[in-house]
Protein backbone atom coordinates (compact mmCIF):
# COMPACT_ATOMS: atom_id res chain seq x y z
CA MET A 1 -22.35 -27.72 27.70
CA SER A 2 -18.94 -29.26 28.98
CA LYS A 3 -17.12 -31.52 26.71
CA VAL A 4 -14.77 -32.83 29.35
CA VAL A 5 -14.62 -36.59 29.77
CA SER A 6 -12.35 -39.20 31.15
CA LEU A 7 -9.41 -40.57 29.13
CA GLU A 8 -11.04 -43.92 28.94
CA SER A 9 -14.27 -42.57 27.46
CA LEU A 10 -12.12 -40.53 25.10
CA ALA A 11 -10.44 -43.40 23.67
CA GLN A 12 -13.53 -45.56 23.37
CA GLU A 13 -14.89 -42.89 20.83
CA ILE A 14 -12.77 -44.29 18.16
CA PRO A 15 -14.20 -47.36 16.66
CA SER A 16 -12.30 -50.19 15.02
CA GLY A 17 -11.10 -49.49 11.41
CA ALA A 18 -11.20 -45.61 12.08
CA THR A 19 -8.58 -43.30 10.48
CA ILE A 20 -6.86 -41.36 13.07
CA ALA A 21 -4.66 -38.19 12.28
CA ILE A 22 -2.13 -38.08 15.11
CA GLY A 23 -0.74 -34.55 16.16
CA GLY A 24 2.58 -33.48 17.83
CA PHE A 25 5.77 -33.70 16.04
CA GLN A 26 8.65 -36.10 16.46
CA LEU A 27 9.33 -36.07 20.21
CA SER A 28 7.28 -33.13 21.04
CA ARG A 29 3.59 -32.93 22.11
CA VAL A 30 2.54 -36.36 21.02
CA PRO A 31 -0.87 -37.42 22.70
CA ILE A 32 1.07 -40.27 24.27
CA ALA A 33 -1.60 -40.97 27.07
CA LEU A 34 -4.56 -41.02 24.70
CA ILE A 35 -2.37 -43.37 22.32
CA HIS A 36 -1.96 -45.71 25.17
CA ALA A 37 -5.61 -45.71 26.14
CA ILE A 38 -6.47 -46.67 22.54
CA ALA A 39 -3.73 -49.35 22.40
CA ALA A 40 -5.36 -50.85 25.70
CA GLY A 41 -8.72 -50.88 24.31
CA LYS A 42 -10.60 -53.63 22.41
CA ASN A 43 -10.94 -51.64 19.12
CA THR A 44 -8.39 -52.27 16.45
CA ASP A 45 -7.67 -52.16 12.77
CA PHE A 46 -6.76 -48.41 12.63
CA LYS A 47 -5.18 -46.38 9.91
CA ALA A 48 -2.95 -43.50 11.11
CA VAL A 49 -1.77 -40.19 9.39
CA SER A 50 0.73 -38.08 10.90
CA ALA A 51 3.63 -35.83 10.31
CA PRO A 52 6.77 -37.52 11.20
CA ASN A 53 5.65 -38.98 14.60
CA PRO A 54 7.01 -42.59 15.07
CA LEU A 55 6.45 -43.00 18.69
CA ALA A 56 2.78 -42.88 18.39
CA LEU A 57 2.94 -45.51 15.72
CA GLU A 58 5.51 -47.58 17.84
CA ILE A 59 2.94 -47.91 20.69
CA LEU A 60 0.03 -48.77 18.18
CA SER A 61 2.13 -51.41 16.38
CA ALA A 62 3.41 -52.89 19.61
CA ALA A 63 -0.32 -53.37 20.54
CA GLY A 64 -1.08 -54.99 17.20
CA CYS A 65 -3.88 -52.54 16.50
CA LEU A 66 -2.41 -50.60 13.60
CA ARG A 67 -3.43 -51.80 10.03
CA SER A 68 -1.84 -49.01 7.95
CA ALA A 69 -0.04 -45.88 8.30
CA GLU A 70 0.96 -42.87 6.44
CA CYS A 71 4.10 -41.33 7.99
CA ALA A 72 7.30 -39.88 6.33
CA PHE A 73 9.63 -40.68 8.98
CA ILE A 74 9.89 -43.52 11.39
CA GLY A 75 13.31 -42.54 13.10
CA PHE A 76 14.12 -41.10 16.66
CA GLN A 77 17.09 -39.02 17.34
CA TYR A 78 17.56 -38.06 21.06
CA GLU A 79 19.98 -38.60 24.03
CA ASP A 80 20.74 -42.15 23.19
CA GLY A 81 21.45 -41.59 19.52
CA PHE A 82 19.44 -42.53 16.57
CA ALA A 83 17.14 -45.45 16.17
CA ILE A 84 14.20 -46.64 14.05
CA ALA A 85 11.09 -47.72 15.56
CA PRO A 86 11.28 -51.44 16.02
CA ALA A 87 7.79 -52.62 16.61
CA VAL A 88 6.92 -50.61 13.39
CA CYS A 89 9.56 -52.38 11.47
CA HIS A 90 8.61 -55.63 12.84
CA ALA A 91 4.99 -55.12 11.83
CA ILE A 92 6.03 -54.24 8.42
CA ALA A 93 8.17 -57.24 7.93
CA THR A 94 5.43 -59.71 9.00
CA GLY A 95 2.82 -57.80 6.86
CA GLU A 96 0.81 -56.74 9.86
CA LEU A 97 1.41 -53.08 8.75
CA ASP A 98 1.10 -51.47 5.49
CA LEU A 99 3.46 -48.38 5.83
CA GLN A 100 3.40 -45.54 3.15
CA GLN A 101 5.93 -42.83 3.23
CA PRO A 102 5.19 -39.98 0.88
CA ASP A 103 7.10 -36.84 1.37
CA VAL A 104 5.83 -34.73 4.28
CA TYR A 105 4.71 -32.01 1.87
CA ASP A 106 2.80 -34.44 -0.22
CA THR A 107 0.82 -35.25 2.85
CA ILE A 108 0.42 -31.66 3.73
CA GLN A 109 -0.95 -30.77 0.18
CA SER A 110 -3.22 -34.00 0.47
CA LEU A 111 -4.58 -32.61 3.75
CA ARG A 112 -5.23 -29.17 2.32
CA ALA A 113 -6.92 -30.42 -0.72
CA THR A 114 -9.34 -32.76 1.21
CA ARG A 115 -10.11 -29.81 3.55
CA ASP A 116 -10.83 -27.38 0.80
CA LYS A 117 -13.18 -29.74 -0.69
CA GLY A 118 -15.15 -29.95 2.54
CA ARG A 119 -14.17 -33.61 3.01
CA GLN A 120 -12.30 -35.44 5.51
CA TYR A 121 -8.84 -37.15 5.38
CA ALA A 122 -9.34 -38.80 8.76
CA ASP A 123 -12.24 -39.55 10.94
CA PHE A 124 -10.52 -38.28 14.15
CA ALA A 125 -7.57 -35.87 14.84
CA LEU A 126 -6.02 -36.82 18.15
CA LEU A 127 -4.17 -33.77 19.61
CA HIS A 128 -2.50 -32.82 23.03
CA ALA A 129 -2.91 -29.10 23.96
CA GLN A 130 -1.17 -27.02 26.72
CA LEU A 131 -4.70 -25.50 27.57
CA ALA A 132 -8.33 -26.07 26.93
CA ASP A 133 -11.72 -24.93 28.39
CA ARG A 134 -14.92 -26.80 28.93
CA THR A 135 -16.44 -25.94 25.58
CA GLY A 136 -13.46 -27.62 23.86
CA ASN A 137 -11.36 -24.68 22.68
CA LEU A 138 -7.73 -25.51 22.55
CA LEU A 139 -4.67 -23.37 22.93
CA ILE A 140 -1.60 -25.04 21.37
CA ASP A 141 1.69 -23.06 21.63
CA ASP A 142 3.52 -25.03 19.04
CA PRO A 143 0.90 -26.27 16.36
CA TYR A 144 3.27 -27.73 13.81
CA VAL A 145 0.70 -29.58 11.61
CA ASP A 146 -2.07 -29.92 14.23
CA VAL A 147 -4.44 -27.17 12.89
CA LEU A 148 -4.29 -28.62 9.47
CA LEU A 149 -5.01 -32.18 10.94
CA ALA A 150 -8.13 -30.90 12.74
CA GLU A 151 -9.33 -29.19 9.86
CA ALA A 152 -9.08 -32.28 7.63
CA SER A 153 -10.76 -34.47 10.17
CA GLY A 154 -14.24 -35.41 11.07
CA GLY A 155 -13.59 -34.04 14.66
CA VAL A 156 -11.05 -33.52 17.28
CA LEU A 157 -10.46 -35.57 20.34
CA ALA A 158 -7.80 -34.03 22.59
CA THR A 159 -6.24 -34.21 25.81
CA ALA A 160 -4.77 -30.97 27.54
CA GLU A 161 -2.42 -30.24 30.39
CA THR A 162 -4.54 -27.52 32.08
CA LEU A 163 -8.17 -26.69 32.04
CA VAL A 164 -8.93 -23.12 32.05
CA GLU A 165 -12.07 -21.04 32.39
CA ARG A 166 -12.02 -19.57 28.89
CA ILE A 167 -10.01 -19.27 25.96
CA ASP A 168 -10.78 -16.34 23.78
CA LYS A 169 -8.29 -16.75 20.89
CA PRO A 170 -8.13 -20.74 20.46
CA THR A 171 -5.67 -22.30 18.26
CA ILE A 172 -8.28 -24.83 17.40
CA PRO A 173 -12.09 -23.71 18.05
CA GLY A 174 -14.27 -25.74 20.19
CA SER A 175 -16.73 -26.22 17.27
CA ARG A 176 -14.26 -28.57 15.78
CA VAL A 177 -13.60 -30.67 18.97
CA GLN A 178 -15.83 -33.33 20.13
CA GLN A 179 -14.51 -34.28 23.51
CA ILE A 180 -11.42 -33.33 25.69
CA ALA A 181 -9.78 -35.14 28.58
CA LEU A 182 -7.85 -33.32 31.19
CA GLU A 183 -4.48 -35.27 31.43
CA LYS A 184 -1.53 -33.56 32.96
CA ASN A 185 1.82 -34.99 31.63
CA GLY A 186 -0.32 -36.36 28.92
CA ALA A 187 2.53 -36.02 26.35
CA VAL A 188 5.20 -37.70 28.54
CA PRO A 189 7.83 -39.20 27.44
CA THR A 190 7.63 -36.47 24.62
CA ALA A 191 8.14 -32.83 25.36
CA CYS A 192 5.20 -30.40 26.14
CA LEU A 193 6.45 -26.82 25.33
CA GLY A 194 6.20 -24.68 28.47
CA HIS A 195 5.62 -27.48 30.81
CA TYR A 196 8.08 -30.12 30.62
CA GLY A 197 10.95 -31.54 28.41
CA ARG A 198 11.59 -34.74 26.71
CA ASP A 199 12.09 -37.78 29.19
CA ALA A 200 14.79 -39.65 27.51
CA LEU A 201 14.47 -42.60 29.77
CA GLY A 202 10.87 -42.87 28.94
CA VAL A 203 11.41 -42.69 25.03
CA ARG A 204 13.93 -45.61 25.44
CA GLN A 205 11.57 -47.85 27.49
CA HIS A 206 8.69 -47.23 24.82
CA PHE A 207 10.80 -49.12 22.29
CA GLY A 208 12.30 -51.56 24.43
CA GLU A 209 16.06 -51.34 23.72
CA ARG A 210 18.92 -49.03 24.24
CA VAL A 211 20.62 -47.67 21.21
CA ALA A 212 24.01 -49.17 20.93
CA ARG A 213 26.48 -46.49 22.04
CA GLN A 214 29.79 -45.95 20.42
CA PRO A 215 32.94 -46.17 22.42
CA ASP A 216 34.61 -42.97 23.43
CA PRO A 217 36.62 -41.48 20.35
CA THR A 218 40.35 -41.46 20.49
CA PRO A 219 42.22 -38.20 20.24
CA GLY A 220 42.53 -38.91 16.47
CA GLN A 221 38.88 -39.49 15.95
CA THR A 222 38.04 -36.32 17.97
CA CYS A 223 40.34 -34.42 15.80
CA ALA A 224 38.61 -35.85 12.81
CA ILE A 225 35.14 -34.99 14.07
CA ASP A 226 36.18 -31.41 14.78
CA ASN A 227 37.51 -31.11 11.12
CA PHE A 228 34.17 -32.60 9.79
CA LEU A 229 31.98 -30.11 11.54
CA ILE A 230 34.36 -27.28 10.44
CA ASN A 231 34.11 -28.32 6.80
CA LEU A 232 30.53 -28.48 7.06
CA ALA A 233 30.38 -25.05 8.60
CA ARG A 234 32.60 -23.63 5.74
CA GLN A 235 29.81 -24.62 3.26
CA VAL A 236 27.22 -22.19 4.97
CA ASN A 237 27.23 -18.71 3.14
CA ASP A 238 26.41 -15.46 4.94
CA ASN A 239 23.13 -13.77 3.99
CA GLU A 240 21.39 -17.04 3.26
CA VAL A 241 18.40 -18.74 4.25
CA ILE A 242 19.19 -22.16 5.56
CA VAL A 243 17.07 -25.05 6.75
CA THR A 244 17.65 -28.26 8.53
CA GLY A 245 15.40 -31.21 8.89
CA LEU A 246 14.93 -34.22 11.25
CA ALA A 247 17.90 -35.81 12.86
CA SER A 248 20.16 -32.90 12.16
CA ALA A 249 21.87 -32.14 15.34
CA ILE A 250 25.17 -32.09 13.48
CA PRO A 251 24.21 -29.73 10.83
CA MET A 252 22.58 -27.46 13.51
CA LEU A 253 25.98 -27.25 15.21
CA ALA A 254 27.66 -26.70 12.08
CA ILE A 255 25.39 -23.82 11.24
CA GLU A 256 25.79 -22.29 14.81
CA LEU A 257 29.58 -22.62 14.10
CA ALA A 258 29.31 -20.57 10.83
CA ARG A 259 27.22 -17.87 12.51
CA ARG A 260 29.87 -17.30 15.05
CA THR A 261 32.70 -17.06 12.53
CA HIS A 262 32.13 -16.14 8.94
CA ALA A 263 28.23 -16.02 8.33
CA PRO A 264 26.75 -13.72 11.16
CA LYS A 265 24.04 -12.56 8.93
CA LEU A 266 22.75 -15.86 7.88
CA THR A 267 18.87 -16.86 8.68
CA TYR A 268 18.60 -20.42 9.98
CA ILE A 269 15.02 -22.15 10.20
CA ASN A 270 14.91 -25.03 12.13
CA CYS A 271 12.33 -27.75 11.05
CA ILE A 272 10.44 -27.23 14.26
CA GLY A 273 9.69 -23.64 13.24
CA ALA A 274 12.26 -21.76 15.20
CA VAL A 275 13.61 -19.04 13.00
CA ASN A 276 17.06 -18.11 14.11
CA PRO A 277 16.93 -20.11 17.24
CA ARG A 278 19.56 -19.42 20.01
CA VAL A 279 21.76 -22.44 19.91
CA GLU A 280 24.00 -21.92 22.83
CA LYS A 281 25.04 -25.49 23.46
CA VAL A 282 25.03 -28.79 21.61
CA PHE A 283 21.57 -30.58 21.63
CA PRO A 284 21.30 -34.14 21.17
CA THR A 285 18.53 -33.68 18.50
CA SER A 286 17.52 -30.83 16.19
CA VAL A 287 13.78 -31.05 17.21
CA GLU A 288 14.38 -29.47 20.53
CA ALA A 289 10.93 -27.94 21.26
CA GLY A 290 12.41 -25.36 23.80
CA LEU A 291 14.35 -23.69 20.83
CA ARG A 292 10.93 -22.08 19.91
CA ASN A 293 11.10 -19.95 23.08
CA HIS A 294 14.47 -18.66 22.34
CA CYS A 295 14.29 -17.47 18.63
CA ASP A 296 13.51 -14.32 16.56
CA ASP A 297 10.24 -15.80 15.16
CA THR A 298 8.30 -19.03 14.30
CA ILE A 299 7.03 -20.71 11.32
CA GLU A 300 4.81 -23.64 11.27
CA LEU A 301 5.82 -26.63 9.09
CA PRO A 302 3.23 -26.21 6.34
CA ASP A 303 4.44 -22.67 5.82
CA LEU A 304 7.99 -23.51 5.87
CA PHE A 305 7.34 -25.89 2.76
CA ASP A 306 5.39 -23.06 1.19
CA LEU A 307 8.36 -20.72 1.76
CA ALA A 308 10.77 -23.15 0.03
CA ARG A 309 8.36 -23.70 -2.93
CA ASP A 310 8.19 -19.95 -3.26
CA GLY A 311 11.95 -19.69 -3.55
CA GLY A 312 12.50 -18.31 -0.04
CA VAL A 313 14.97 -20.99 1.12
CA ASP A 314 18.56 -20.83 -0.31
CA THR A 315 20.21 -23.80 1.32
CA MET A 316 19.48 -27.03 3.10
CA PHE A 317 21.36 -29.96 4.74
CA PHE A 318 20.73 -33.45 3.77
CA GLY A 319 21.99 -36.78 5.07
CA ALA A 320 22.40 -39.95 3.04
CA ALA A 321 22.59 -43.70 3.58
CA GLN A 322 23.49 -44.00 -0.01
CA ILE A 323 24.59 -41.48 -2.66
CA ASP A 324 25.49 -42.22 -6.16
CA ARG A 325 27.69 -40.34 -8.76
CA GLN A 326 24.73 -38.45 -10.02
CA GLY A 327 23.72 -37.06 -6.67
CA ASN A 328 20.75 -39.18 -5.97
CA ILE A 329 20.13 -39.92 -2.29
CA ASN A 330 18.63 -43.04 -0.61
CA LEU A 331 16.97 -42.65 2.79
CA SER A 332 14.51 -45.38 2.45
CA ARG A 333 15.88 -48.97 2.32
CA ILE A 334 18.95 -51.06 1.63
CA GLY A 335 18.22 -54.05 -0.52
CA PRO A 336 15.20 -55.07 -2.62
CA GLU A 337 11.78 -53.55 -1.87
CA SER A 338 10.36 -57.06 -1.47
CA ASN A 339 12.95 -58.01 1.28
CA PRO A 340 15.07 -55.05 2.30
CA LYS A 341 18.28 -55.79 4.44
CA VAL A 342 17.73 -52.49 6.15
CA ARG A 343 14.74 -50.41 6.52
CA LEU A 344 15.81 -46.87 6.80
CA ALA A 345 13.82 -44.00 8.38
CA GLY A 346 12.31 -42.48 5.28
CA PRO A 347 12.29 -39.29 3.31
CA ALA A 348 10.86 -36.87 5.78
CA GLY A 349 10.58 -33.79 3.65
CA SER A 350 13.80 -34.13 1.69
CA SER A 351 12.21 -34.90 -1.65
CA SER A 352 10.25 -31.70 -1.94
CA MET A 353 12.48 -29.53 -0.15
CA ARG A 354 15.35 -30.57 -2.48
CA SER A 355 13.44 -29.75 -5.50
CA TYR A 356 12.90 -26.07 -4.45
CA ILE A 357 16.35 -25.03 -3.02
CA ARG A 358 19.42 -23.54 -4.69
CA ARG A 359 21.94 -25.23 -2.69
CA ALA A 360 22.00 -28.79 -1.41
CA LEU A 361 24.76 -29.49 1.27
CA ILE A 362 24.89 -33.31 1.75
CA ALA A 363 26.73 -34.74 4.90
CA VAL A 364 28.37 -38.23 5.12
CA PRO A 365 30.67 -38.48 8.19
CA ARG A 366 32.15 -41.82 7.16
CA GLN A 367 32.88 -42.27 3.66
CA LEU A 368 32.98 -45.88 2.53
CA ARG A 369 32.25 -47.77 -0.65
CA ARG A 370 28.76 -48.87 0.69
CA ASN A 371 27.45 -45.30 1.14
CA LEU A 372 29.17 -43.78 -2.00
CA VAL A 373 27.84 -46.13 -4.39
CA GLU A 374 27.44 -46.63 -8.09
CA CYS A 375 23.65 -46.74 -8.06
CA VAL A 376 21.27 -46.12 -4.97
CA ASP A 377 18.86 -48.96 -4.27
CA ILE A 378 16.07 -46.30 -4.45
CA LYS A 379 15.98 -42.70 -5.10
CA THR A 380 14.48 -40.90 -2.15
CA SER A 381 15.33 -37.57 -3.68
CA CYS A 382 17.27 -36.53 -6.84
CA PRO A 383 18.97 -33.37 -8.09
CA ALA A 384 16.64 -30.74 -9.26
CA SER A 385 16.92 -28.04 -12.07
CA CYS A 386 16.79 -25.28 -9.41
CA ASN A 387 19.72 -26.74 -7.58
CA LYS A 388 22.70 -24.16 -8.52
CA GLU A 389 25.12 -26.08 -6.30
CA THR A 390 25.29 -29.48 -4.70
CA ILE A 391 28.12 -30.06 -2.24
CA LEU A 392 29.04 -33.43 -0.60
CA VAL A 393 31.04 -33.35 2.56
CA THR A 394 32.76 -36.43 3.85
CA ASP A 395 35.71 -37.27 6.13
CA ALA A 396 37.89 -37.77 3.01
CA ALA A 397 37.06 -35.03 0.63
CA ILE A 398 34.72 -32.30 -0.38
CA TRP A 399 32.77 -33.14 -3.47
CA GLN A 400 30.98 -30.90 -6.04
CA LEU A 401 28.31 -32.13 -8.48
CA LYS A 402 29.30 -31.39 -11.97
CA ASP A 403 27.53 -32.36 -15.25
CA ASN A 404 29.19 -35.66 -15.47
CA GLY A 405 28.83 -36.47 -11.81
CA PHE A 406 30.72 -35.89 -8.40
CA GLU A 407 34.20 -34.72 -8.54
CA PRO A 408 36.42 -34.03 -5.59
CA ALA A 409 36.81 -30.11 -5.23
CA SER A 410 39.37 -30.81 -2.39
CA MET A 411 40.85 -33.81 -0.53
CA HIS A 412 41.58 -33.65 3.09
CA GLN A 413 45.05 -33.69 4.38
CA GLY A 414 46.79 -37.13 4.27
CA ILE A 415 44.13 -38.57 1.88
CA SER A 416 45.71 -39.69 -1.45
CA LYS A 417 43.90 -40.22 -4.80
CA GLU A 418 44.37 -44.11 -4.27
CA GLU A 419 42.74 -44.01 -0.90
CA LEU A 420 39.87 -41.72 -2.19
CA SER A 421 39.13 -44.17 -4.98
CA SER A 422 39.33 -47.21 -2.60
CA ARG A 423 36.64 -45.32 -0.47
CA THR A 424 34.38 -44.52 -3.28
CA GLY A 425 31.95 -47.03 -4.91
CA PHE A 426 31.75 -45.12 -8.22
CA ASP A 427 34.25 -43.84 -10.91
CA PHE A 428 35.06 -40.26 -10.89
CA GLN A 429 37.06 -37.59 -12.63
CA CYS A 430 39.84 -36.61 -10.09
CA GLY A 431 41.72 -33.84 -12.02
CA SER A 432 43.77 -31.66 -9.62
CA PRO A 433 41.86 -31.04 -6.60
CA SER A 434 43.23 -28.78 -3.80
CA VAL A 435 44.00 -29.89 -0.23
CA THR A 436 41.32 -28.98 2.14
CA PRO A 437 42.75 -26.04 4.36
CA PRO A 438 43.32 -27.16 7.72
CA ALA A 439 41.12 -25.83 10.69
CA THR A 440 42.10 -22.43 11.92
CA GLN A 441 42.52 -21.51 15.59
CA LEU A 442 39.28 -19.29 15.34
CA GLU A 443 37.12 -22.30 14.18
CA LEU A 444 38.56 -24.59 16.70
CA SER A 445 38.38 -22.17 19.71
CA THR A 446 34.73 -21.24 18.57
CA LEU A 447 33.72 -24.86 18.34
CA ARG A 448 35.15 -25.33 21.87
CA ALA A 449 33.44 -22.36 23.19
CA ILE A 450 30.11 -23.66 21.89
CA ASP A 451 30.72 -27.20 23.19
CA PRO A 452 33.55 -27.14 26.09
CA ALA A 453 32.12 -30.52 27.32
CA GLY A 454 32.65 -32.31 24.06
CA SER A 455 29.02 -33.43 23.67
CA ARG A 456 29.50 -33.06 19.86
CA TYR A 457 31.37 -36.34 20.04
CA LYS A 458 28.29 -38.42 21.02
CA LEU A 459 26.40 -37.18 18.03
CA PHE A 460 28.13 -39.59 15.54
CA SER A 461 26.79 -43.19 14.99
CA GLU A 462 29.68 -43.42 12.26
CA ALA A 463 32.37 -40.99 13.37
CA PRO A 464 34.82 -39.47 10.77
CA GLN A 465 38.27 -41.09 10.78
CA PRO A 466 41.62 -39.65 10.95
CA ALA A 467 43.45 -39.94 7.61
CA ASP A 468 45.82 -42.48 8.67
CA ALA A 469 42.95 -44.93 9.81
CA LYS A 470 42.71 -47.41 7.07
CA ASP A 471 39.14 -48.89 7.06
CA ASN A 472 37.51 -49.42 3.65
């Protein structure tokens, strides 16, 4: 019996008040056509659960049909820069949306526990597949968390790029799939691996505003950016397993620089599941679906967290909107919980991953008193007992976390102790830090070889500053 129906019929299967688990990952293979069909219907009051997948939540929030959501990250990084889903933020501010942001691994473990008990975490899993057959078998080349979402849901409703006669080894068997709709380009403007890439213009149009672009950097700023990337790369060790998360295009470039200079035997795992991806140019985002086609191996997101939990990851890069003297990081909000001044993207998987790794590398391109603070507004992640080393790289210094807090291990050329103190919101012991060695010709020429067009300068929303630029 054929399970193929129209897109409209597929959307109508979801009643008001249903809990929906949304597949895809960031800007890859999100079931956009199905989400739009749901948003255009009469049913409402949905609860959504997803891995970091904010575009689907943005569409549903803009339509006013989303009651609550569980999603660890509501930010986008792509060709226009970085933005946080505006309709989602507006719905939270007005009380129309209750957003819960547990760590991604907490959501994964909850899904597993529910599945193992024979219960359902969601009423429906909404997926987009590369291939489907008429009996409902789905073939997905980049499953991310989709298999787990399907197993922990009451049933699967899916769109597919192509309908084939038969799928002998399905990613998700037809026994779990209730209905499918043939919908070519059903994930646009997100990417669908093997079919099309991300449509940056379409992403921009979905959240209604262009990200403000920074002006072209001055020669002094380009030099500062290169030095910052080189100092990040220097923290990467050879023969280690290193991971990057969401919105990590800058660390991904630094890892490639390290691989080509002093760390040829490192193992790099990208959060989309590409193991040792070929990073032959600068990408505008770290979640490039195509990297899975040019790598040594692949690993899905739940298994990556398991690998870290079992001690298989040495190092990970982290960002920080705020970081305090004790190494606590804030990625959640600026201001009080009841009325935050700024809503940040959320933890993604930083809380759990930080608790399992041996080395934490933290990147803050622009050191100011508002981001190196006495006390973070909320502790999104904290130092853990297994962290043998925590290093903070800024445009002013390289810091190491000691028992009594962060101390500068080296200060960059042209930075005085007085200036460093004026750009730091907490007291610290200075001692006699060394001067950070200048970039070598090998490092500079390798960076230029990776990125001859200078695309790296577009990755920075707050660019590192040359030492003589006084901006506190």
